[in-house]
């Protein structure tokens, strides 16, 4: 393949920024991403790329795709959360000011979405690559929906590994914590508040919550640290003068590669008296070996590795994956969300340099 000049990288990056501006202007809440899917599909087709679509997921194969070669998936999501009440700017009006591109979804994960698309277009026509490429702009990441990337993976065939585009400052998240939401119910005996009652459901729940607060799982992950449990919701009682017979609470559990979600739930059940039910076991911890060629290539480029405490579509991708993209995770879901334009330009360049080390 004839190597493109830095000017080509810059042009790809600038085109990516313009595409992101157009995406920001279209509301794309989870399960309502059809209009951004339309735009992505049209944009790729105008570049001469044959696209495929299922619901609000759009994907494409590189032009010289060969079943004989291993395949790399380049994936990010185009859905967003709803803007919070703290916005001072119109979340759907892309504004560039002081080098920052403002708008809902700009950082999470619009910057990665368009940077990976630009990277895919860079390699699209290349011949004699060691790997195939699939680019997938997928839906329902923000609500962990069933009709996102998980639903279209069967169309992709065997995949060697994936790059999942999320804001990581273009550093390499080689492991990611899983997520399990556990709903609990403590029982007690209902009575008038004026009478003695040592079976108050709220007090019973508090004993379990105290255990949840203080418990340390024995096994610590080298990359991800400890399993983290946080009680985030609690509900009980309706009248000031009645002791409730039930108290419900919810635990947000961030799991590591040391335990499956099912194992964690079993440990919880063995140690609390409240009933405990997991909403789902789908979102397990994920990781990629530091010895994987793509990780080694990143290290050669001066990228660093770390374990991510947040959950992404990696959790439903059942093969090695690397989370990496322009932007900063702490800006996600924030008021007046933004990404630096230079982060996108650098993202395109680094993605291309990284993949060039293994595909040629």
Foldseek 3Di string as FASTA:
>chain_A
DDDDDLVLLLVLLVVLVVLLLVLLLDAAAFVRNQVVLVVVCVVCVVLVFDWDDDRSKIKGKAPPDDPVAAEEEEEEESHFHDADPPAPDDQNHFDADPQKTWHTCAQRFSLSLSLSVSLCSSCRHDPPWRYIYMYMHWGDFVVPDPRTPLVCVVVVPHHQEYEYEHADQQFKAQKEWFKWKKKWKFFFDKDFQVDDGPGQRVVLVVVLVVCLVPDWDPDADPFAGTKHKDWDDKDFDDDPGMRTGMIMTMIIITHGPVDQPVRVQVVSVVPGPIDMDIPDRQQHMAGDDCPDLLNVLCVVVVHHYGHHHDGGCRRNDPHRYIYGYHHDPVLGSHHRRIGRSVSSSVRSVSVNSSVVVRTD
